[in-house]
Amino acid sequence: MTFAPSPILCTRLLPSLKPSLRSSNFTLKQHARFNTLATIQPLTKTTRKKVKEDSSLGDEHVFQLSHENFEREQAYVDKPDVEDERSRMRNEQILRAELKKKLSQLLSNAERLKNGSSEFPCYSLGIDFGDARTGVAISKGFAPRPIEVVELQGQRLEARLIEIAHKEGAIEFVVGLPKSERGMETWQSNKTRCFAGRLAALAAQRGWRVYLHDEFGSSNDALEYMIMTGSTKKTRKTHLDAYAAVVLLQAYFNNSGEHAELVVPKKLSLQERLCEAPIGPESDDASDLEDEQL
């Protein structure tokens, strides 16, 4: 049990204690404590009443502030801008669901060829993507042929592929996706997916599609084919990537595009362009007219 010192006792003892404070090793903090105790006065009825009133006023002030914050939050929620934003988000979710359904119903060139609906010579561009060199081949379901090996990176590579597709009349890209023997994606798969995403954003502006297809063993098969056809070492070194793209297209059409993965751009406007784009060479002409108008 602790006893609080009486204020009167502290007042009487303080003069006698001050000389000892000067002569002893008391700290300034202890000296200030004695001065505080000496100034303590007992609470009277008036003082207690005042303290009680101050505490009640403080509670009312806190309640008033909380009520004001609540009204301010309600006013923010009830703003028309917030309602417009909510409705916009709801409409966007509905549109995403509709576009997802439409995109799942799109048929690739290999699927259309399997169904016998090849009304137009729909060419597909095979791409064997690499860090230094990218092989390019073209086919419409039979007799694929190599085009070239592009030694570019980044935006220049993507622009060059769009130029080749426009020149050859292709409406879709088939990008080889590196995988292991067990069918698992490798560290190179992430780079390929990033490249395919950028290419899909550019291709969707013209209504073209980009697919990912497993390319496991394509380089070895291409090397064996080039050796069997009597290609020289120099030709094999410079054109191996293009022939790997040829093997990729063969596997893509032989499987009827069953294992192909459509690369969907993130922007809704590009997704709508993919769904509304006509299938055939006229899609390219329509994109040229749009470019001329812009």
C-alpha atoms as a PDB file:
ATOM      1  CA  MET A   1       0.000   0.000   0.000  1.00  0.00           C
ATOM      2  CA  THR A   2       1.279   3.469  -0.917  1.00  0.00           C
ATOM      3  CA  PHE A   3       0.416   6.741   0.817  1.00  0.00           C
ATOM      4  CA  ALA A   4       0.229  10.036  -1.061  1.00  0.00           C
ATOM      5  CA  PRO A   5       1.985  12.848   0.830  1.00  0.00           C
ATOM      6  CA  SER A   6      -0.231  15.589   2.167  1.00  0.00           C
ATOM      7  CA  PRO A   7       0.075  18.894   0.281  1.00  0.00           C
ATOM      8  CA  ILE A   8       0.231  20.793   3.585  1.00  0.00           C
ATOM      9  CA  LEU A   9       3.021  18.569   4.858  1.00  0.00           C
ATOM     10  CA  CYS A  10       4.965  19.037   1.614  1.00  0.00           C
ATOM     11  CA  THR A  11       4.544  22.794   1.856  1.00  0.00           C
ATOM     12  CA  ARG A  12       5.881  22.856   5.395  1.00  0.00           C
ATOM     13  CA  LEU A  13       8.790  20.518   4.715  1.00  0.00           C
ATOM     14  CA  LEU A  14       9.835  22.044   1.372  1.00  0.00           C
ATOM     15  CA  PRO A  15      11.828  25.016   2.853  1.00  0.00           C
ATOM     16  CA  SER A  16      13.752  22.676   5.093  1.00  0.00           C
ATOM     17  CA  LEU A  17      14.404  20.259   2.234  1.00  0.00           C
ATOM     18  CA  LYS A  18      15.607  22.809  -0.301  1.00  0.00           C
ATOM     19  CA  PRO A  19      19.019  23.375   1.349  1.00  0.00           C
ATOM     20  CA  SER A  20      19.577  19.650   1.462  1.00  0.00           C
ATOM     21  CA  LEU A  21      18.689  19.467  -2.212  1.00  0.00           C
ATOM     22  CA  ARG A  22      21.350  22.006  -3.019  1.00  0.00           C
ATOM     23  CA  SER A  23      23.975  20.172  -0.998  1.00  0.00           C
ATOM     24  CA  SER A  24      23.075  16.613  -2.015  1.00  0.00           C
ATOM     25  CA  ASN A  25      23.351  14.842  -5.358  1.00  0.00           C
ATOM     26  CA  PHE A  26      19.593  14.965  -6.119  1.00  0.00           C
ATOM     27  CA  THR A  27      18.748  15.313  -9.766  1.00  0.00           C
ATOM     28  CA  LEU A  28      16.782  18.160 -11.279  1.00  0.00           C
ATOM     29  CA  LYS A  29      13.917  15.744 -11.938  1.00  0.00           C
ATOM     30  CA  GLN A  30      13.565  14.989  -8.221  1.00  0.00           C
ATOM     31  CA  HIS A  31      13.704  18.695  -7.416  1.00  0.00           C
ATOM     32  CA  ALA A  32      10.898  19.387  -9.877  1.00  0.00           C
ATOM     33  CA  ARG A  33       8.844  16.633  -8.262  1.00  0.00           C
ATOM     34  CA  PHE A  34       9.060  18.322  -4.865  1.00  0.00           C
ATOM     35  CA  ASN A  35       8.005  21.625  -6.386  1.00  0.00           C
ATOM     36  CA  THR A  36       4.991  19.940  -8.007  1.00  0.00           C
ATOM     37  CA  LEU A  37       3.923  18.263  -4.801  1.00  0.00           C
ATOM     38  CA  ALA A  38       4.150  21.576  -2.979  1.00  0.00           C
ATOM     39  CA  THR A  39       1.695  23.204  -5.381  1.00  0.00           C
ATOM     40  CA  ILE A  40      -0.974  20.461  -5.181  1.00  0.00           C
ATOM     41  CA  GLN A  41      -4.238  21.710  -3.783  1.00  0.00           C
ATOM     42  CA  PRO A  42      -7.164  19.585  -2.603  1.00  0.00           C
ATOM     43  CA  LEU A  43     -10.143  19.354  -4.966  1.00  0.00           C
ATOM     44  CA  THR A  44     -13.075  21.449  -3.831  1.00  0.00           C
ATOM     45  CA  LYS A  45     -16.711  21.015  -4.810  1.00  0.00           C
ATOM     46  CA  THR A  46     -16.391  23.794  -7.382  1.00  0.00           C
ATOM     47  CA  THR A  47     -13.330  22.234  -8.949  1.00  0.00           C
ATOM     48  CA  ARG A  48     -14.954  18.806  -9.123  1.00  0.00           C
ATOM     49  CA  LYS A  49     -18.032  20.254 -10.763  1.00  0.00           C
ATOM     50  CA  LYS A  50     -15.912  22.059 -13.355  1.00  0.00           C
ATOM     51  CA  VAL A  51     -13.936  18.928 -14.176  1.00  0.00           C
ATOM     52  CA  LYS A  52     -17.163  16.985 -14.591  1.00  0.00           C
ATOM     53  CA  GLU A  53     -18.592  19.602 -16.933  1.00  0.00           C
ATOM     54  CA  ASP A  54     -15.382  19.613 -18.984  1.00  0.00           C
ATOM     55  CA  SER A  55     -15.469  15.833 -19.355  1.00  0.00           C
ATOM     56  CA  SER A  56     -19.126  15.882 -20.461  1.00  0.00           C
ATOM     57  CA  LEU A  57     -18.342  18.600 -22.986  1.00  0.00           C
ATOM     58  CA  GLY A  58     -15.468  16.491 -24.279  1.00  0.00           C
ATOM     59  CA  ASP A  59     -17.764  13.489 -24.785  1.00  0.00           C
ATOM     60  CA  GLU A  60     -20.278  15.651 -26.639  1.00  0.00           C
ATOM     61  CA  HIS A  61     -17.467  17.005 -28.822  1.00  0.00           C
ATOM     62  CA  VAL A  62     -16.253  13.497 -29.681  1.00  0.00           C
ATOM     63  CA  PHE A  63     -19.819  12.404 -30.510  1.00  0.00           C
ATOM     64  CA  GLN A  64     -20.265  15.467 -32.698  1.00  0.00           C
ATOM     65  CA  LEU A  65     -17.050  14.746 -34.598  1.00  0.00           C
ATOM     66  CA  SER A  66     -17.990  11.096 -35.177  1.00  0.00           C
ATOM     67  CA  HIS A  67     -21.439  12.154 -36.375  1.00  0.00           C
ATOM     68  CA  GLU A  68     -19.880  14.672 -38.770  1.00  0.00           C
ATOM     69  CA  ASN A  69     -17.511  12.011 -40.147  1.00  0.00           C
ATOM     70  CA  PHE A  70     -20.439   9.647 -40.685  1.00  0.00           C
ATOM     71  CA  GLU A  71     -22.408  12.321 -42.534  1.00  0.00           C
ATOM     72  CA  ARG A  72     -19.365  13.138 -44.648  1.00  0.00           C
ATOM     73  CA  GLU A  73     -18.891   9.485 -45.623  1.00  0.00           C
ATOM     74  CA  GLN A  74     -22.586   9.152 -46.440  1.00  0.00           C
ATOM     75  CA  ALA A  75     -22.398  12.248 -48.601  1.00  0.00           C
ATOM     76  CA  TYR A  76     -19.414  10.756 -50.451  1.00  0.00           C
ATOM     77  CA  VAL A  77     -21.205   7.462 -51.016  1.00  0.00           C
ATOM     78  CA  ASP A  78     -24.333   9.220 -52.244  1.00  0.00           C
ATOM     79  CA  LYS A  79     -22.407  11.286 -54.780  1.00  0.00           C
ATOM     80  CA  PRO A  80     -23.491  10.784 -58.392  1.00  0.00           C
ATOM     81  CA  ASP A  81     -19.868  10.231 -59.434  1.00  0.00           C
ATOM     82  CA  VAL A  82     -19.614   7.199 -57.180  1.00  0.00           C
ATOM     83  CA  GLU A  83     -22.839   5.771 -58.577  1.00  0.00           C
ATOM     84  CA  ASP A  84     -21.594   6.339 -62.110  1.00  0.00           C
ATOM     85  CA  GLU A  85     -18.360   4.564 -61.261  1.00  0.00           C
ATOM     86  CA  ARG A  86     -20.232   1.602 -59.836  1.00  0.00           C
ATOM     87  CA  SER A  87     -22.470   1.319 -62.860  1.00  0.00           C
ATOM     88  CA  ARG A  88     -19.448   1.586 -65.141  1.00  0.00           C
ATOM     89  CA  MET A  89     -17.722  -1.242 -63.287  1.00  0.00           C
ATOM     90  CA  ARG A  90     -20.840  -3.412 -63.504  1.00  0.00           C
ATOM     91  CA  ASN A  91     -21.135  -2.794 -67.229  1.00  0.00           C
ATOM     92  CA  GLU A  92     -17.460  -3.572 -67.668  1.00  0.00           C
ATOM     93  CA  GLN A  93     -17.832  -6.894 -65.877  1.00  0.00           C
ATOM     94  CA  ILE A  94     -20.799  -7.809 -68.066  1.00  0.00           C
ATOM     95  CA  LEU A  95     -18.859  -6.863 -71.189  1.00  0.00           C
ATOM     96  CA  ARG A  96     -15.849  -8.925 -70.090  1.00  0.00           C
ATOM     97  CA  ALA A  97     -18.059 -11.969 -69.596  1.00  0.00           C
ATOM     98  CA  GLU A  98     -19.644 -11.552 -73.037  1.00  0.00           C
ATOM     99  CA  LEU A  99     -16.276 -11.078 -74.757  1.00  0.00           C
ATOM    100  CA  LYS A 100     -14.840 -14.101 -72.978  1.00  0.00           C
ATOM    101  CA  LYS A 101     -17.678 -16.215 -74.334  1.00  0.00           C
ATOM    102  CA  LYS A 102     -17.231 -14.870 -77.864  1.00  0.00           C
ATOM    103  CA  LEU A 103     -13.463 -15.366 -77.813  1.00  0.00           C
ATOM    104  CA  SER A 104     -13.877 -18.972 -76.724  1.00  0.00           C
ATOM    105  CA  GLN A 105     -16.029 -19.561 -79.823  1.00  0.00           C
ATOM    106  CA  LEU A 106     -13.404 -18.236 -82.267  1.00  0.00           C
ATOM    107  CA  LEU A 107     -11.942 -20.871 -84.558  1.00  0.00           C
ATOM    108  CA  SER A 108      -8.319 -20.968 -85.540  1.00  0.00           C
ATOM    109  CA  ASN A 109      -7.191 -21.672 -89.108  1.00  0.00           C
ATOM    110  CA  ALA A 110      -6.399 -25.273 -88.176  1.00  0.00           C
ATOM    111  CA  GLU A 111      -9.885 -25.796 -86.712  1.00  0.00           C
ATOM    112  CA  ARG A 112     -11.550 -24.160 -89.684  1.00  0.00           C
ATOM    113  CA  LEU A 113      -9.533 -26.358 -92.046  1.00  0.00           C
ATOM    114  CA  LYS A 114     -10.580 -29.428 -90.074  1.00  0.00           C
ATOM    115  CA  ASN A 115     -14.256 -28.406 -90.329  1.00  0.00           C
ATOM    116  CA  GLY A 116     -13.892 -27.802 -94.071  1.00  0.00           C
ATOM    117  CA  SER A 117     -14.792 -24.111 -93.928  1.00  0.00           C
ATOM    118  CA  SER A 118     -11.748 -22.815 -95.810  1.00  0.00           C
ATOM    119  CA  GLU A 119     -13.520 -20.179 -97.893  1.00  0.00           C
ATOM    120  CA  PHE A 120     -10.434 -17.976 -98.063  1.00  0.00           C
ATOM    121  CA  PRO A 121      -6.720 -18.818 -98.303  1.00  0.00           C
ATOM    122  CA  CYS A 122      -6.136 -18.133 -94.618  1.00  0.00           C
ATOM    123  CA  TYR A 123      -2.418 -18.223 -94.007  1.00  0.00           C
ATOM    124  CA  SER A 124      -0.799 -18.759 -90.632  1.00  0.00           C
ATOM    125  CA  LEU A 125       2.602 -17.393 -89.713  1.00  0.00           C
ATOM    126  CA  GLY A 126       4.782 -19.697 -87.614  1.00  0.00           C
ATOM    127  CA  ILE A 127       7.235 -17.993 -85.261  1.00  0.00           C
ATOM    128  CA  ASP A 128      10.153 -19.683 -83.511  1.00  0.00           C
ATOM    129  CA  PHE A 129      11.010 -16.945 -80.994  1.00  0.00           C
ATOM    130  CA  GLY A 130      14.557 -16.582 -79.681  1.00  0.00           C
ATOM    131  CA  ASP A 131      16.643 -14.063 -77.769  1.00  0.00           C
ATOM    132  CA  ALA A 132      18.919 -13.302 -80.738  1.00  0.00           C
ATOM    133  CA  ARG A 133      17.156 -14.785 -83.783  1.00  0.00           C
ATOM    134  CA  THR A 134      13.527 -15.514 -84.617  1.00  0.00           C
ATOM    135  CA  GLY A 135      12.546 -17.928 -87.353  1.00  0.00           C
ATOM    136  CA  VAL A 136       9.475 -17.239 -89.501  1.00  0.00           C
ATOM    137  CA  ALA A 137       7.515 -19.667 -91.719  1.00  0.00           C
ATOM    138  CA  ILE A 138       4.130 -19.602 -93.428  1.00  0.00           C
ATOM    139  CA  SER A 139       1.466 -22.143 -94.312  1.00  0.00           C
ATOM    140  CA  LYS A 140      -2.256 -22.522 -94.908  1.00  0.00           C
ATOM    141  CA  GLY A 141      -2.480 -26.143 -93.851  1.00  0.00           C
ATOM    142  CA  PHE A 142      -0.122 -27.842 -96.264  1.00  0.00           C
ATOM    143  CA  ALA A 143       3.360 -27.375 -97.705  1.00  0.00           C
ATOM    144  CA  PRO A 144       4.723 -24.930 -95.119  1.00  0.00           C
ATOM    145  CA  ARG A 145       7.756 -22.995 -96.237  1.00  0.00           C
ATOM    146  CA  PRO A 146      10.396 -20.952 -94.397  1.00  0.00           C
ATOM    147  CA  ILE A 147      10.491 -17.215 -94.988  1.00  0.00           C
ATOM    148  CA  GLU A 148      13.410 -15.706 -93.115  1.00  0.00           C
ATOM    149  CA  VAL A 149      15.293 -15.428 -89.835  1.00  0.00           C
ATOM    150  CA  VAL A 150      14.808 -12.040 -88.182  1.00  0.00           C
ATOM    151  CA  GLU A 151      17.743 -10.845 -86.103  1.00  0.00           C
ATOM    152  CA  LEU A 152      15.882  -8.110 -84.242  1.00  0.00           C
ATOM    153  CA  GLN A 153      14.568  -7.671 -80.703  1.00  0.00           C
ATOM    154  CA  GLY A 154      11.829  -5.731 -78.948  1.00  0.00           C
ATOM    155  CA  GLN A 155       9.509  -3.423 -80.840  1.00  0.00           C
ATOM    156  CA  ARG A 156      11.495  -3.672 -84.065  1.00  0.00           C
ATOM    157  CA  LEU A 157      10.975  -7.436 -84.104  1.00  0.00           C
ATOM    158  CA  GLU A 158       7.240  -7.105 -83.534  1.00  0.00           C
ATOM    159  CA  ALA A 159       6.919  -4.427 -86.224  1.00  0.00           C
ATOM    160  CA  ARG A 160       8.855  -6.626 -88.660  1.00  0.00           C
ATOM    161  CA  LEU A 161       6.556  -9.605 -87.994  1.00  0.00           C
ATOM    162  CA  ILE A 162       3.477  -7.451 -88.589  1.00  0.00           C
ATOM    163  CA  GLU A 163       5.035  -6.294 -91.863  1.00  0.00           C
ATOM    164  CA  ILE A 164       5.727  -9.880 -92.966  1.00  0.00           C
ATOM    165  CA  ALA A 165       2.176 -10.966 -92.109  1.00  0.00           C
ATOM    166  CA  HIS A 166       0.741  -8.059 -94.100  1.00  0.00           C
ATOM    167  CA  LYS A 167       2.943  -8.878 -97.078  1.00  0.00           C
ATOM    168  CA  GLU A 168       2.179 -12.628 -97.052  1.00  0.00           C
ATOM    169  CA  GLY A 169      -1.556 -12.259 -96.320  1.00  0.00           C
ATOM    170  CA  ALA A 170      -1.485 -14.065 -92.954  1.00  0.00           C
ATOM    171  CA  ILE A 171      -4.255 -13.474 -90.425  1.00  0.00           C
ATOM    172  CA  GLU A 172      -2.859 -15.317 -87.421  1.00  0.00           C
ATOM    173  CA  PHE A 173       0.443 -15.999 -85.688  1.00  0.00           C
ATOM    174  CA  VAL A 174       1.470 -19.324 -84.174  1.00  0.00           C
ATOM    175  CA  VAL A 175       4.227 -18.740 -81.615  1.00  0.00           C
ATOM    176  CA  GLY A 176       6.205 -21.710 -80.330  1.00  0.00           C
ATOM    177  CA  LEU A 177       6.021 -22.122 -76.536  1.00  0.00           C
ATOM    178  CA  PRO A 178       9.089 -23.833 -75.031  1.00  0.00           C
ATOM    179  CA  LYS A 179       8.292 -26.800 -72.770  1.00  0.00           C
ATOM    180  CA  SER A 180      10.225 -29.604 -71.144  1.00  0.00           C
ATOM    181  CA  GLU A 181       9.961 -33.344 -71.855  1.00  0.00           C
ATOM    182  CA  ARG A 182       7.306 -33.627 -69.146  1.00  0.00           C
ATOM    183  CA  GLY A 183       5.239 -30.882 -70.730  1.00  0.00           C
ATOM    184  CA  MET A 184       6.162 -28.271 -68.095  1.00  0.00           C
ATOM    185  CA  GLU A 185       6.971 -24.684 -68.986  1.00  0.00           C
ATOM    186  CA  THR A 186      10.568 -23.497 -68.643  1.00  0.00           C
ATOM    187  CA  TRP A 187      12.227 -20.180 -67.796  1.00  0.00           C
ATOM    188  CA  GLN A 188      12.184 -19.331 -71.508  1.00  0.00           C
ATOM    189  CA  SER A 189       8.394 -19.756 -71.532  1.00  0.00           C
ATOM    190  CA  ASN A 190       7.907 -16.538 -69.546  1.00  0.00           C
ATOM    191  CA  LYS A 191       9.869 -14.537 -72.121  1.00  0.00           C
ATOM    192  CA  THR A 192       7.880 -16.115 -74.913  1.00  0.00           C
ATOM    193  CA  ARG A 193       4.566 -15.303 -73.227  1.00  0.00           C
ATOM    194  CA  CYS A 194       5.592 -11.664 -72.758  1.00  0.00           C
ATOM    195  CA  PHE A 195       6.584 -11.443 -76.420  1.00  0.00           C
ATOM    196  CA  ALA A 196       3.315 -13.076 -77.517  1.00  0.00           C
ATOM    197  CA  GLY A 197       1.315 -10.627 -75.387  1.00  0.00           C
ATOM    198  CA  ARG A 198       2.956  -7.606 -77.009  1.00  0.00           C
ATOM    199  CA  LEU A 199       2.499  -9.106 -80.471  1.00  0.00           C
ATOM    200  CA  ALA A 200      -1.161  -9.877 -79.721  1.00  0.00           C
ATOM    201  CA  ALA A 201      -1.811  -6.230 -78.817  1.00  0.00           C
ATOM    202  CA  LEU A 202      -0.431  -5.113 -82.190  1.00  0.00           C
ATOM    203  CA  ALA A 203      -2.107  -7.881 -84.169  1.00  0.00           C
ATOM    204  CA  ALA A 204      -5.524  -7.269 -82.585  1.00  0.00           C
ATOM    205  CA  GLN A 205      -5.553  -3.753 -84.023  1.00  0.00           C
ATOM    206  CA  ARG A 206      -5.843  -5.402 -87.438  1.00  0.00           C
ATOM    207  CA  GLY A 207      -8.140  -8.183 -86.273  1.00  0.00           C
ATOM    208  CA  TRP A 208      -5.393 -10.822 -86.307  1.00  0.00           C
ATOM    209  CA  ARG A 209      -4.999 -13.511 -83.667  1.00  0.00           C
ATOM    210  CA  VAL A 210      -1.965 -14.900 -81.858  1.00  0.00           C
ATOM    211  CA  TYR A 211      -1.762 -18.502 -80.645  1.00  0.00           C
ATOM    212  CA  LEU A 212       0.758 -20.322 -78.475  1.00  0.00           C
ATOM    213  CA  HIS A 213       1.648 -23.912 -79.372  1.00  0.00           C
ATOM    214  CA  ASP A 214       4.078 -26.397 -77.866  1.00  0.00           C
ATOM    215  CA  GLU A 215       7.381 -26.361 -79.774  1.00  0.00           C
ATOM    216  CA  PHE A 216       9.172 -29.166 -77.923  1.00  0.00           C
ATOM    217  CA  GLY A 217      11.654 -30.908 -80.230  1.00  0.00           C
ATOM    218  CA  SER A 218      11.051 -28.558 -83.154  1.00  0.00           C
ATOM    219  CA  SER A 219      14.702 -27.506 -83.436  1.00  0.00           C
ATOM    220  CA  ASN A 220      15.990 -31.102 -83.422  1.00  0.00           C
ATOM    221  CA  ASP A 221      13.401 -32.167 -85.990  1.00  0.00           C
ATOM    222  CA  ALA A 222      14.318 -29.192 -88.169  1.00  0.00           C
ATOM    223  CA  LEU A 223      18.017 -30.059 -87.947  1.00  0.00           C
ATOM    224  CA  GLU A 224      17.365 -33.676 -88.966  1.00  0.00           C
ATOM    225  CA  TYR A 225      15.236 -32.503 -91.889  1.00  0.00           C
ATOM    226  CA  MET A 226      17.940 -30.126 -93.108  1.00  0.00           C
ATOM    227  CA  ILE A 227      20.572 -32.849 -92.868  1.00  0.00           C
ATOM    228  CA  MET A 228      18.371 -35.276 -94.825  1.00  0.00           C
ATOM    229  CA  THR A 229      17.790 -32.689 -97.565  1.00  0.00           C
ATOM    230  CA  GLY A 230      21.549 -32.143 -97.916  1.00  0.00           C
ATOM    231  CA  SER A 231      21.780 -28.615 -96.516  1.00  0.00           C
ATOM    232  CA  THR A 232      25.281 -27.330 -95.876  1.00  0.00           C
ATOM    233  CA  LYS A 233      26.563 -26.431 -92.404  1.00  0.00           C
ATOM    234  CA  LYS A 234      26.378 -22.753 -93.230  1.00  0.00           C
ATOM    235  CA  THR A 235      22.757 -23.059 -94.356  1.00  0.00           C
ATOM    236  CA  ARG A 236      21.840 -25.075 -91.276  1.00  0.00           C
ATOM    237  CA  LYS A 237      23.390 -22.445 -89.031  1.00  0.00           C
ATOM    238  CA  THR A 238      21.658 -19.473 -90.663  1.00  0.00           C
ATOM    239  CA  HIS A 239      18.252 -21.008 -91.466  1.00  0.00           C
ATOM    240  CA  LEU A 240      17.699 -23.467 -88.625  1.00  0.00           C
ATOM    241  CA  ASP A 241      15.245 -21.178 -86.789  1.00  0.00           C
ATOM    242  CA  ALA A 242      13.120 -20.720 -89.918  1.00  0.00           C
ATOM    243  CA  TYR A 243      12.880 -24.488 -90.430  1.00  0.00           C
ATOM    244  CA  ALA A 244      11.994 -24.877 -86.749  1.00  0.00           C
ATOM    245  CA  ALA A 245       9.029 -22.585 -87.461  1.00  0.00           C
ATOM    246  CA  VAL A 246       8.113 -24.922 -90.341  1.00  0.00           C
ATOM    247  CA  VAL A 247       8.049 -27.907 -87.948  1.00  0.00           C
ATOM    248  CA  LEU A 248       5.943 -25.846 -85.534  1.00  0.00           C
ATOM    249  CA  LEU A 249       3.327 -25.146 -88.212  1.00  0.00           C
ATOM    250  CA  GLN A 250       3.223 -28.809 -89.204  1.00  0.00           C
ATOM    251  CA  ALA A 251       2.513 -29.849 -85.628  1.00  0.00           C
ATOM    252  CA  TYR A 252      -0.093 -27.088 -85.312  1.00  0.00           C
ATOM    253  CA  PHE A 253      -2.093 -28.217 -88.366  1.00  0.00           C
ATOM    254  CA  ASN A 254      -1.607 -31.941 -87.674  1.00  0.00           C
ATOM    255  CA  ASN A 255      -3.212 -31.491 -84.243  1.00  0.00           C
ATOM    256  CA  SER A 256      -5.984 -29.328 -85.779  1.00  0.00           C
ATOM    257  CA  GLY A 257      -5.116 -26.568 -83.319  1.00  0.00           C
ATOM    258  CA  GLU A 258      -6.421 -28.549 -80.339  1.00  0.00           C
ATOM    259  CA  HIS A 259      -3.520 -27.639 -78.054  1.00  0.00           C
ATOM    260  CA  ALA A 260      -3.207 -24.051 -79.257  1.00  0.00           C
ATOM    261  CA  GLU A 261      -3.776 -21.270 -76.709  1.00  0.00           C
ATOM    262  CA  LEU A 262      -5.289 -17.984 -77.830  1.00  0.00           C
ATOM    263  CA  VAL A 263      -3.413 -14.952 -76.496  1.00  0.00           C
ATOM    264  CA  VAL A 264      -6.050 -12.394 -75.484  1.00  0.00           C
ATOM    265  CA  PRO A 265      -5.023  -8.722 -75.223  1.00  0.00           C
ATOM    266  CA  LYS A 266      -5.891  -6.935 -71.984  1.00  0.00           C
ATOM    267  CA  LYS A 267      -7.744  -3.970 -73.483  1.00  0.00           C
ATOM    268  CA  LEU A 268     -11.466  -4.512 -74.028  1.00  0.00           C
ATOM    269  CA  SER A 269     -11.426  -2.483 -77.236  1.00  0.00           C
ATOM    270  CA  LEU A 270      -8.886  -4.892 -78.749  1.00  0.00           C
ATOM    271  CA  GLN A 271     -10.919  -7.881 -77.611  1.00  0.00           C
ATOM    272  CA  GLU A 272     -13.974  -6.412 -79.343  1.00  0.00           C
ATOM    273  CA  ARG A 273     -11.877  -5.910 -82.470  1.00  0.00           C
ATOM    274  CA  LEU A 274     -10.929  -9.590 -82.444  1.00  0.00           C
ATOM    275  CA  CYS A 275     -14.555 -10.686 -82.093  1.00  0.00           C
ATOM    276  CA  GLU A 276     -15.835  -8.359 -84.806  1.00  0.00           C
ATOM    277  CA  ALA A 277     -12.995  -8.796 -87.321  1.00  0.00           C
ATOM    278  CA  PRO A 278     -13.968 -10.649 -90.520  1.00  0.00           C
ATOM    279  CA  ILE A 279     -12.132 -13.879 -91.269  1.00  0.00           C
ATOM    280  CA  GLY A 280     -10.162 -13.668 -94.469  1.00  0.00           C
ATOM    281  CA  PRO A 281      -8.036 -11.242 -96.475  1.00  0.00           C
ATOM    282  CA  GLU A 282     -10.664  -8.503 -96.166  1.00  0.00           C
ATOM    283  CA  SER A 283      -9.732  -8.056 -92.485  1.00  0.00           C
ATOM    284  CA  ASP A 284      -6.379  -6.748 -93.619  1.00  0.00           C
ATOM    285  CA  ASP A 285      -8.007  -4.393 -96.123  1.00  0.00           C
ATOM    286  CA  ALA A 286     -10.338  -3.039 -93.450  1.00  0.00           C
ATOM    287  CA  SER A 287      -7.406  -2.301 -91.175  1.00  0.00           C
ATOM    288  CA  ASP A 288      -5.643  -0.477 -94.007  1.00  0.00           C
ATOM    289  CA  LEU A 289      -8.719   1.708 -94.528  1.00  0.00           C
ATOM    290  CA  GLU A 290      -8.788   2.536 -90.822  1.00  0.00           C
ATOM    291  CA  ASP A 291      -5.116   3.504 -90.903  1.00  0.00           C
ATOM    292  CA  GLU A 292      -5.712   5.765 -93.899  1.00  0.00           C
ATOM    293  CA  GLN A 293      -8.651   7.476 -92.162  1.00  0.00           C
ATOM    294  CA  LEU A 294      -6.561   8.069 -89.033  1.00  0.00           C
END
